[in-house]
Full PDB file with SEQRES, HELIX, SHEET, SSBOND, CRYST1, ORIGX, SCALE, CONECT and MASTER records, all heavy atoms in Angstrom:
SEQRES   1 A   32  THR LYS SER PHE ASN ASN ILE LYS MET GLY ALA THR ASN          
SEQRES   2 A   32  GLU GLN LEU LYS ALA VAL ALA ASP ALA LEU THR PRO LEU          
SEQRES   3 A   32  GLN GLY TRP THR PRO TYR                                      
HELIX    1 AA1 ASN A   13  GLN A   27  1                                  15    
CRYST1    1.000    1.000    1.000  90.00  90.00  90.00 P 1           1          
ORIGX1      1.000000  0.000000  0.000000        0.00000                         
ORIGX2      0.000000  1.000000  0.000000        0.00000                         
ORIGX3      0.000000  0.000000  1.000000        0.00000                         
SCALE1      1.000000  0.000000  0.000000        0.00000                         
SCALE2      0.000000  1.000000  0.000000        0.00000                         
SCALE3      0.000000  0.000000  1.000000        0.00000                         
ATOM      1  N   THR A   1      -1.199  -9.950   9.043  1.00  0.00           N  
ATOM      2  CA  THR A   1      -0.270 -11.076   8.982  1.00  0.00           C  
ATOM      3  C   THR A   1      -0.767 -12.234   9.838  1.00  0.00           C  
ATOM      4  O   THR A   1      -1.199 -12.030  10.971  1.00  0.00           O  
ATOM      5  CB  THR A   1       1.119 -10.638   9.484  1.00  0.00           C  
ATOM      6  OG1 THR A   1       1.573  -9.553   8.668  1.00  0.00           O  
ATOM      7  CG2 THR A   1       2.118 -11.775   9.415  1.00  0.00           C  
ATOM      8  N   LYS A   2      -0.717 -13.426   9.272  1.00  0.00           N  
ATOM      9  CA  LYS A   2      -1.008 -14.664  10.013  1.00  0.00           C  
ATOM     10  C   LYS A   2       0.254 -15.506   9.990  1.00  0.00           C  
ATOM     11  O   LYS A   2       0.848 -15.728   8.935  1.00  0.00           O  
ATOM     12  CB  LYS A   2      -2.141 -15.458   9.352  1.00  0.00           C  
ATOM     13  CG  LYS A   2      -3.484 -14.802   9.430  1.00  0.00           C  
ATOM     14  CD  LYS A   2      -4.094 -15.042  10.775  1.00  0.00           C  
ATOM     15  CE  LYS A   2      -5.546 -14.610  10.771  1.00  0.00           C  
ATOM     16  NZ  LYS A   2      -6.239 -14.994  11.948  1.00  0.00           N  
ATOM     17  N   SER A   3       0.685 -15.965  11.158  1.00  0.00           N  
ATOM     18  CA  SER A   3       1.885 -16.788  11.261  1.00  0.00           C  
ATOM     19  C   SER A   3       1.524 -18.170  11.784  1.00  0.00           C  
ATOM     20  O   SER A   3       0.695 -18.303  12.689  1.00  0.00           O  
ATOM     21  CB  SER A   3       2.892 -16.148  12.216  1.00  0.00           C  
ATOM     22  OG  SER A   3       3.310 -14.905  11.724  1.00  0.00           O  
ATOM     23  N   PHE A   4       2.151 -19.160  11.213  1.00  0.00           N  
ATOM     24  CA  PHE A   4       1.977 -20.551  11.632  1.00  0.00           C  
ATOM     25  C   PHE A   4       3.350 -21.049  12.062  1.00  0.00           C  
ATOM     26  O   PHE A   4       4.243 -21.259  11.234  1.00  0.00           O  
ATOM     27  CB  PHE A   4       1.402 -21.387  10.493  1.00  0.00           C  
ATOM     28  CG  PHE A   4       0.073 -20.867  10.009  1.00  0.00           C  
ATOM     29  CD1 PHE A   4       0.006 -19.920   8.996  1.00  0.00           C  
ATOM     30  CD2 PHE A   4      -1.110 -21.290  10.597  1.00  0.00           C  
ATOM     31  CE1 PHE A   4      -1.206 -19.422   8.551  1.00  0.00           C  
ATOM     32  CE2 PHE A   4      -2.332 -20.792  10.163  1.00  0.00           C  
ATOM     33  CZ  PHE A   4      -2.374 -19.857   9.144  1.00  0.00           C  
ATOM     34  N   ASN A   5       3.522 -21.191  13.379  1.00  0.00           N  
ATOM     35  CA  ASN A   5       4.819 -21.540  13.962  1.00  0.00           C  
ATOM     36  C   ASN A   5       5.025 -23.047  14.013  1.00  0.00           C  
ATOM     37  O   ASN A   5       4.093 -23.831  13.861  1.00  0.00           O  
ATOM     38  CB  ASN A   5       4.923 -20.962  15.372  1.00  0.00           C  
ATOM     39  CG  ASN A   5       4.895 -19.457  15.360  1.00  0.00           C  
ATOM     40  OD1 ASN A   5       5.582 -18.831  14.572  1.00  0.00           O  
ATOM     41  ND2 ASN A   5       4.086 -18.871  16.221  1.00  0.00           N  
ATOM     42  N   ASN A   6       6.271 -23.416  14.276  1.00  0.00           N  
ATOM     43  CA  ASN A   6       6.677 -24.810  14.458  1.00  0.00           C  
ATOM     44  C   ASN A   6       6.338 -25.679  13.255  1.00  0.00           C  
ATOM     45  O   ASN A   6       5.876 -26.805  13.401  1.00  0.00           O  
ATOM     46  CB  ASN A   6       6.085 -25.387  15.739  1.00  0.00           C  
ATOM     47  CG  ASN A   6       6.549 -24.643  16.965  1.00  0.00           C  
ATOM     48  OD1 ASN A   6       7.732 -24.331  17.084  1.00  0.00           O  
ATOM     49  ND2 ASN A   6       5.643 -24.339  17.867  1.00  0.00           N  
ATOM     50  N   ILE A   7       6.556 -25.138  12.063  1.00  0.00           N  
ATOM     51  CA  ILE A   7       6.381 -25.907  10.841  1.00  0.00           C  
ATOM     52  C   ILE A   7       7.461 -26.986  10.812  1.00  0.00           C  
ATOM     53  O   ILE A   7       8.597 -26.753  11.244  1.00  0.00           O  
ATOM     54  CB  ILE A   7       6.516 -24.976   9.604  1.00  0.00           C  
ATOM     55  CG1 ILE A   7       5.444 -23.900   9.622  1.00  0.00           C  
ATOM     56  CG2 ILE A   7       6.493 -25.762   8.310  1.00  0.00           C  
ATOM     57  CD1 ILE A   7       4.032 -24.409   9.514  1.00  0.00           C  
ATOM     58  N   LYS A   8       7.116 -28.148  10.312  1.00  0.00           N  
ATOM     59  CA  LYS A   8       8.092 -29.230  10.203  1.00  0.00           C  
ATOM     60  C   LYS A   8       9.292 -28.732   9.396  1.00  0.00           C  
ATOM     61  O   LYS A   8       9.146 -28.284   8.259  1.00  0.00           O  
ATOM     62  CB  LYS A   8       7.449 -30.436   9.525  1.00  0.00           C  
ATOM     63  CG  LYS A   8       8.320 -31.646   9.492  1.00  0.00           C  
ATOM     64  CD  LYS A   8       7.554 -32.819   8.912  1.00  0.00           C  
ATOM     65  CE  LYS A   8       8.444 -34.043   8.874  1.00  0.00           C  
ATOM     66  NZ  LYS A   8       7.719 -35.196   8.320  1.00  0.00           N  
ATOM     67  N   MET A   9      10.457 -28.795   9.989  1.00  0.00           N  
ATOM     68  CA  MET A   9      11.640 -28.212   9.365  1.00  0.00           C  
ATOM     69  C   MET A   9      12.024 -28.915   8.068  1.00  0.00           C  
ATOM     70  O   MET A   9      12.649 -28.323   7.202  1.00  0.00           O  
ATOM     71  CB  MET A   9      12.796 -28.195  10.358  1.00  0.00           C  
ATOM     72  CG  MET A   9      12.578 -27.186  11.477  1.00  0.00           C  
ATOM     73  SD  MET A   9      13.956 -27.068  12.600  1.00  0.00           S  
ATOM     74  CE  MET A   9      13.460 -28.261  13.829  1.00  0.00           C  
ATOM     75  N   GLY A  10      11.617 -30.155   7.906  1.00  0.00           N  
ATOM     76  CA  GLY A  10      11.926 -30.887   6.689  1.00  0.00           C  
ATOM     77  C   GLY A  10      10.972 -30.603   5.546  1.00  0.00           C  
ATOM     78  O   GLY A  10      11.169 -31.094   4.436  1.00  0.00           O  
ATOM     79  N   ALA A  11       9.934 -29.815   5.782  1.00  0.00           N  
ATOM     80  CA  ALA A  11       8.960 -29.498   4.736  1.00  0.00           C  
ATOM     81  C   ALA A  11       9.626 -28.665   3.645  1.00  0.00           C  
ATOM     82  O   ALA A  11      10.370 -27.731   3.937  1.00  0.00           O  
ATOM     83  CB  ALA A  11       7.772 -28.745   5.322  1.00  0.00           C  
ATOM     84  N   THR A  12       9.345 -29.006   2.408  1.00  0.00           N  
ATOM     85  CA  THR A  12       9.910 -28.254   1.293  1.00  0.00           C  
ATOM     86  C   THR A  12       9.128 -26.956   1.091  1.00  0.00           C  
ATOM     87  O   THR A  12       8.005 -26.810   1.587  1.00  0.00           O  
ATOM     88  CB  THR A  12       9.862 -29.070  -0.010  1.00  0.00           C  
ATOM     89  OG1 THR A  12       8.487 -29.273  -0.376  1.00  0.00           O  
ATOM     90  CG2 THR A  12      10.573 -30.399   0.140  1.00  0.00           C  
ATOM     91  N   ASN A  13       9.711 -26.042   0.350  1.00  0.00           N  
ATOM     92  CA  ASN A  13       9.018 -24.796   0.032  1.00  0.00           C  
ATOM     93  C   ASN A  13       7.752 -25.070  -0.769  1.00  0.00           C  
ATOM     94  O   ASN A  13       6.741 -24.402  -0.584  1.00  0.00           O  
ATOM     95  CB  ASN A  13       9.939 -23.853  -0.732  1.00  0.00           C  
ATOM     96  CG  ASN A  13      11.071 -23.324   0.134  1.00  0.00           C  
ATOM     97  OD1 ASN A  13      10.988 -23.332   1.352  1.00  0.00           O  
ATOM     98  ND2 ASN A  13      12.132 -22.880  -0.503  1.00  0.00           N  
ATOM     99  N   GLU A  14       7.794 -26.062  -1.649  1.00  0.00           N  
ATOM    100  CA  GLU A  14       6.618 -26.421  -2.446  1.00  0.00           C  
ATOM    101  C   GLU A  14       5.492 -26.945  -1.552  1.00  0.00           C  
ATOM    102  O   GLU A  14       4.323 -26.646  -1.776  1.00  0.00           O  
ATOM    103  CB  GLU A  14       6.990 -27.462  -3.508  1.00  0.00           C  
ATOM    104  CG  GLU A  14       7.900 -26.936  -4.601  1.00  0.00           C  
ATOM    105  CD  GLU A  14       9.368 -26.833  -4.177  1.00  0.00           C  
ATOM    106  OE1 GLU A  14       9.786 -27.497  -3.192  1.00  0.00           O  
ATOM    107  OE2 GLU A  14      10.100 -26.062  -4.823  1.00  0.00           O  
ATOM    108  N   GLN A  15       5.844 -27.725  -0.530  1.00  0.00           N  
ATOM    109  CA  GLN A  15       4.839 -28.222   0.408  1.00  0.00           C  
ATOM    110  C   GLN A  15       4.222 -27.072   1.202  1.00  0.00           C  
ATOM    111  O   GLN A  15       3.005 -27.045   1.421  1.00  0.00           O  
ATOM    112  CB  GLN A  15       5.454 -29.262   1.346  1.00  0.00           C  
ATOM    113  CG  GLN A  15       5.799 -30.561   0.663  1.00  0.00           C  
ATOM    114  CD  GLN A  15       6.628 -31.484   1.528  1.00  0.00           C  
ATOM    115  OE1 GLN A  15       7.441 -31.041   2.335  1.00  0.00           O  
ATOM    116  NE2 GLN A  15       6.411 -32.789   1.353  1.00  0.00           N  
ATOM    117  N   LEU A  16       5.037 -26.142   1.640  1.00  0.00           N  
ATOM    118  CA  LEU A  16       4.506 -24.988   2.379  1.00  0.00           C  
ATOM    119  C   LEU A  16       3.610 -24.129   1.492  1.00  0.00           C  
ATOM    120  O   LEU A  16       2.591 -23.628   1.941  1.00  0.00           O  
ATOM    121  CB  LEU A  16       5.640 -24.138   2.945  1.00  0.00           C  
ATOM    122  CG  LEU A  16       6.360 -24.701   4.156  1.00  0.00           C  
ATOM    123  CD1 LEU A  16       7.408 -23.715   4.648  1.00  0.00           C  
ATOM    124  CD2 LEU A  16       5.401 -25.041   5.263  1.00  0.00           C  
ATOM    125  N   LYS A  17       3.985 -23.976   0.235  1.00  0.00           N  
ATOM    126  CA  LYS A  17       3.144 -23.218  -0.710  1.00  0.00           C  
ATOM    127  C   LYS A  17       1.792 -23.892  -0.875  1.00  0.00           C  
ATOM    128  O   LYS A  17       0.753 -23.224  -0.898  1.00  0.00           O  
ATOM    129  CB  LYS A  17       3.867 -23.120  -2.059  1.00  0.00           C  
ATOM    130  CG  LYS A  17       3.062 -22.493  -3.170  1.00  0.00           C  
ATOM    131  CD  LYS A  17       3.007 -20.992  -3.051  1.00  0.00           C  
ATOM    132  CE  LYS A  17       2.493 -20.350  -4.318  1.00  0.00           C  
ATOM    133  NZ  LYS A  17       1.083 -20.185  -4.397  1.00  0.00           N  
ATOM    134  N   ALA A  18       1.774 -25.238  -0.944  1.00  0.00           N  
ATOM    135  CA  ALA A  18       0.515 -25.972  -1.069  1.00  0.00           C  
ATOM    136  C   ALA A  18      -0.356 -25.764   0.177  1.00  0.00           C  
ATOM    137  O   ALA A  18      -1.571 -25.572   0.070  1.00  0.00           O  
ATOM    138  CB  ALA A  18       0.787 -27.452  -1.295  1.00  0.00           C  
ATOM    139  N   VAL A  19       0.255 -25.765   1.339  1.00  0.00           N  
ATOM    140  CA  VAL A  19      -0.485 -25.525   2.584  1.00  0.00           C  
ATOM    141  C   VAL A  19      -1.030 -24.101   2.600  1.00  0.00           C  
ATOM    142  O   VAL A  19      -2.196 -23.867   2.937  1.00  0.00           O  
ATOM    143  CB  VAL A  19       0.412 -25.782   3.819  1.00  0.00           C  
ATOM    144  CG1 VAL A  19      -0.238 -25.274   5.092  1.00  0.00           C  
ATOM    145  CG2 VAL A  19       0.734 -27.259   3.933  1.00  0.00           C  
ATOM    146  N   ALA A  20      -0.195 -23.129   2.232  1.00  0.00           N  
ATOM    147  CA  ALA A  20      -0.639 -21.729   2.197  1.00  0.00           C  
ATOM    148  C   ALA A  20      -1.784 -21.552   1.210  1.00  0.00           C  
ATOM    149  O   ALA A  20      -2.755 -20.848   1.507  1.00  0.00           O  
ATOM    150  CB  ALA A  20       0.531 -20.824   1.833  1.00  0.00           C  
ATOM    151  N   ASP A  21      -1.687 -22.208   0.055  1.00  0.00           N  
ATOM    152  CA  ASP A  21      -2.763 -22.115  -0.939  1.00  0.00           C  
ATOM    153  C   ASP A  21      -4.065 -22.710  -0.412  1.00  0.00           C  
ATOM    154  O   ASP A  21      -5.150 -22.231  -0.739  1.00  0.00           O  
ATOM    155  CB  ASP A  21      -2.355 -22.814  -2.238  1.00  0.00           C  
ATOM    156  CG  ASP A  21      -1.300 -22.041  -3.009  1.00  0.00           C  
ATOM    157  OD1 ASP A  21      -1.132 -20.831  -2.756  1.00  0.00           O  
ATOM    158  OD2 ASP A  21      -0.642 -22.659  -3.874  1.00  0.00           O  
ATOM    159  N   ALA A  22      -3.969 -23.747   0.414  1.00  0.00           N  
ATOM    160  CA  ALA A  22      -5.168 -24.359   0.995  1.00  0.00           C  
ATOM    161  C   ALA A  22      -5.763 -23.500   2.111  1.00  0.00           C  
ATOM    162  O   ALA A  22      -6.977 -23.476   2.310  1.00  0.00           O  
ATOM    163  CB  ALA A  22      -4.840 -25.751   1.529  1.00  0.00           C  
ATOM    164  N   LEU A  23      -4.907 -22.773   2.837  1.00  0.00           N  
ATOM    165  CA  LEU A  23      -5.379 -21.962   3.974  1.00  0.00           C  
ATOM    166  C   LEU A  23      -5.940 -20.608   3.557  1.00  0.00           C  
ATOM    167  O   LEU A  23      -6.829 -20.078   4.230  1.00  0.00           O  
ATOM    168  CB  LEU A  23      -4.229 -21.734   4.964  1.00  0.00           C  
ATOM    169  CG  LEU A  23      -3.757 -22.940   5.752  1.00  0.00           C  
ATOM    170  CD1 LEU A  23      -2.510 -22.598   6.548  1.00  0.00           C  
ATOM    171  CD2 LEU A  23      -4.855 -23.451   6.666  1.00  0.00           C  
ATOM    172  N   THR A  24      -5.448 -20.022   2.484  1.00  0.00           N  
ATOM    173  CA  THR A  24      -5.856 -18.654   2.140  1.00  0.00           C  
ATOM    174  C   THR A  24      -7.350 -18.500   1.873  1.00  0.00           C  
ATOM    175  O   THR A  24      -7.927 -17.503   2.324  1.00  0.00           O  
ATOM    176  CB  THR A  24      -5.039 -18.091   0.963  1.00  0.00           C  
ATOM    177  OG1 THR A  24      -5.114 -18.983  -0.138  1.00  0.00           O  
ATOM    178  CG2 THR A  24      -3.599 -17.881   1.346  1.00  0.00           C  
ATOM    179  N   PRO A  25      -8.045 -19.440   1.208  1.00  0.00           N  
ATOM    180  CA  PRO A  25      -9.488 -19.231   1.008  1.00  0.00           C  
ATOM    181  C   PRO A  25     -10.280 -19.244   2.318  1.00  0.00           C  
ATOM    182  O   PRO A  25     -11.348 -18.639   2.403  1.00  0.00           O  
ATOM    183  CB  PRO A  25      -9.915 -20.396   0.118  1.00  0.00           C  
ATOM    184  CG  PRO A  25      -8.669 -20.935  -0.471  1.00  0.00           C  
ATOM    185  CD  PRO A  25      -7.574 -20.608   0.479  1.00  0.00           C  
ATOM    186  N   LEU A  26      -9.743 -19.897   3.341  1.00  0.00           N  
ATOM    187  CA  LEU A  26     -10.435 -19.972   4.632  1.00  0.00           C  
ATOM    188  C   LEU A  26     -10.402 -18.644   5.383  1.00  0.00           C  
ATOM    189  O   LEU A  26     -11.215 -18.418   6.279  1.00  0.00           O  
ATOM    190  CB  LEU A  26      -9.805 -21.064   5.507  1.00  0.00           C  
ATOM    191  CG  LEU A  26      -9.789 -22.467   4.910  1.00  0.00           C  
ATOM    192  CD1 LEU A  26      -9.012 -23.414   5.808  1.00  0.00           C  
ATOM    193  CD2 LEU A  26     -11.207 -22.967   4.702  1.00  0.00           C  
ATOM    194  N   GLN A  27      -9.469 -17.767   5.023  1.00  0.00           N  
ATOM    195  CA  GLN A  27      -9.311 -16.505   5.734  1.00  0.00           C  
ATOM    196  C   GLN A  27     -10.272 -15.420   5.244  1.00  0.00           C  
ATOM    197  O   GLN A  27     -10.581 -14.493   5.970  1.00  0.00           O  
ATOM    198  CB  GLN A  27      -7.865 -16.010   5.616  1.00  0.00           C  
ATOM    199  CG  GLN A  27      -6.847 -16.970   6.180  1.00  0.00           C  
ATOM    200  CD  GLN A  27      -7.038 -17.241   7.657  1.00  0.00           C  
ATOM    201  OE1 GLN A  27      -7.253 -16.327   8.450  1.00  0.00           O  
ATOM    202  NE2 GLN A  27      -6.976 -18.500   8.030  1.00  0.00           N  
ATOM    203  N   GLY A  28     -10.702 -15.509   3.996  1.00  0.00           N  
ATOM    204  CA  GLY A  28     -11.646 -14.522   3.474  1.00  0.00           C  
ATOM    205  C   GLY A  28     -11.007 -13.238   2.970  1.00  0.00           C  
ATOM    206  O   GLY A  28     -11.714 -12.278   2.675  1.00  0.00           O  
ATOM    207  N   TRP A  29      -9.683 -13.183   2.906  1.00  0.00           N  
ATOM    208  CA  TRP A  29      -8.976 -12.009   2.411  1.00  0.00           C  
ATOM    209  C   TRP A  29      -8.110 -12.397   1.222  1.00  0.00           C  
ATOM    210  O   TRP A  29      -7.820 -13.564   0.991  1.00  0.00           O  
ATOM    211  CB  TRP A  29      -8.085 -11.397   3.488  1.00  0.00           C  
ATOM    212  CG  TRP A  29      -8.816 -10.913   4.695  1.00  0.00           C  
ATOM    213  CD1 TRP A  29      -9.847 -10.032   4.724  1.00  0.00           C  
ATOM    214  CD2 TRP A  29      -8.569 -11.291   6.047  1.00  0.00           C  
ATOM    215  NE1 TRP A  29     -10.254  -9.829   6.016  1.00  0.00           N  
ATOM    216  CE2 TRP A  29      -9.481 -10.589   6.852  1.00  0.00           C  
ATOM    217  CE3 TRP A  29      -7.668 -12.136   6.656  1.00  0.00           C  
ATOM    218  CZ2 TRP A  29      -9.517 -10.704   8.228  1.00  0.00           C  
ATOM    219  CZ3 TRP A  29      -7.696 -12.271   8.028  1.00  0.00           C  
ATOM    220  CH2 TRP A  29      -8.627 -11.557   8.797  1.00  0.00           C  
ATOM    221  N   THR A  30      -7.636 -11.406   0.508  1.00  0.00           N  
ATOM    222  CA  THR A  30      -6.766 -11.629  -0.636  1.00  0.00           C  
ATOM    223  C   THR A  30      -5.331 -11.820  -0.164  1.00  0.00           C  
ATOM    224  O   THR A  30      -4.812 -10.977   0.578  1.00  0.00           O  
ATOM    225  CB  THR A  30      -6.826 -10.405  -1.591  1.00  0.00           C  
ATOM    226  OG1 THR A  30      -8.183 -10.188  -1.958  1.00  0.00           O  
ATOM    227  CG2 THR A  30      -5.977 -10.622  -2.818  1.00  0.00           C  
ATOM    228  N   PRO A  31      -4.664 -12.911  -0.566  1.00  0.00           N  
ATOM    229  CA  PRO A  31      -3.260 -13.068  -0.170  1.00  0.00           C  
ATOM    230  C   PRO A  31      -2.385 -12.015  -0.833  1.00  0.00           C  
ATOM    231  O   PRO A  31      -2.539 -11.722  -2.018  1.00  0.00           O  
ATOM    232  CB  PRO A  31      -2.900 -14.478  -0.643  1.00  0.00           C  
ATOM    233  CG  PRO A  31      -3.931 -14.847  -1.637  1.00  0.00           C  
ATOM    234  CD  PRO A  31      -5.150 -14.033  -1.347  1.00  0.00           C  
ATOM    235  N   TYR A  32      -1.510 -11.406  -0.061  1.00  0.00           N  
ATOM    236  CA  TYR A  32      -0.606 -10.364  -0.551  1.00  0.00           C  
ATOM    237  C   TYR A  32       0.783 -10.947  -0.796  1.00  0.00           C  
ATOM    238  O   TYR A  32       1.410 -10.679  -1.800  1.00  0.00           O  
ATOM    239  CB  TYR A  32      -0.564  -9.237   0.483  1.00  0.00           C  
ATOM    240  CG  TYR A  32       0.225  -8.027   0.087  1.00  0.00           C  
ATOM    241  CD1 TYR A  32      -0.294  -7.092  -0.798  1.00  0.00           C  
ATOM    242  CD2 TYR A  32       1.490  -7.798   0.616  1.00  0.00           C  
ATOM    243  CE1 TYR A  32       0.417  -5.963  -1.151  1.00  0.00           C  
ATOM    244  CE2 TYR A  32       2.211  -6.674   0.271  1.00  0.00           C  
ATOM    245  CZ  TYR A  32       1.678  -5.764  -0.609  1.00  0.00           C  
ATOM    246  OH  TYR A  32       2.396  -4.649  -0.960  1.00  0.00           O  
TER     247      TYR A  32                                                      
MASTER        0    0    0    1    0    0    0    6  246    1    0    3          
END                                                                             
């Protein structure tokens, strides 16, 4: 598990999904 704290509270779920999609290839593992 990787956690990213203090996310902007006004961020939409779609925005967070876009960020997660951008971060997952950098980790080298398959997102579960």
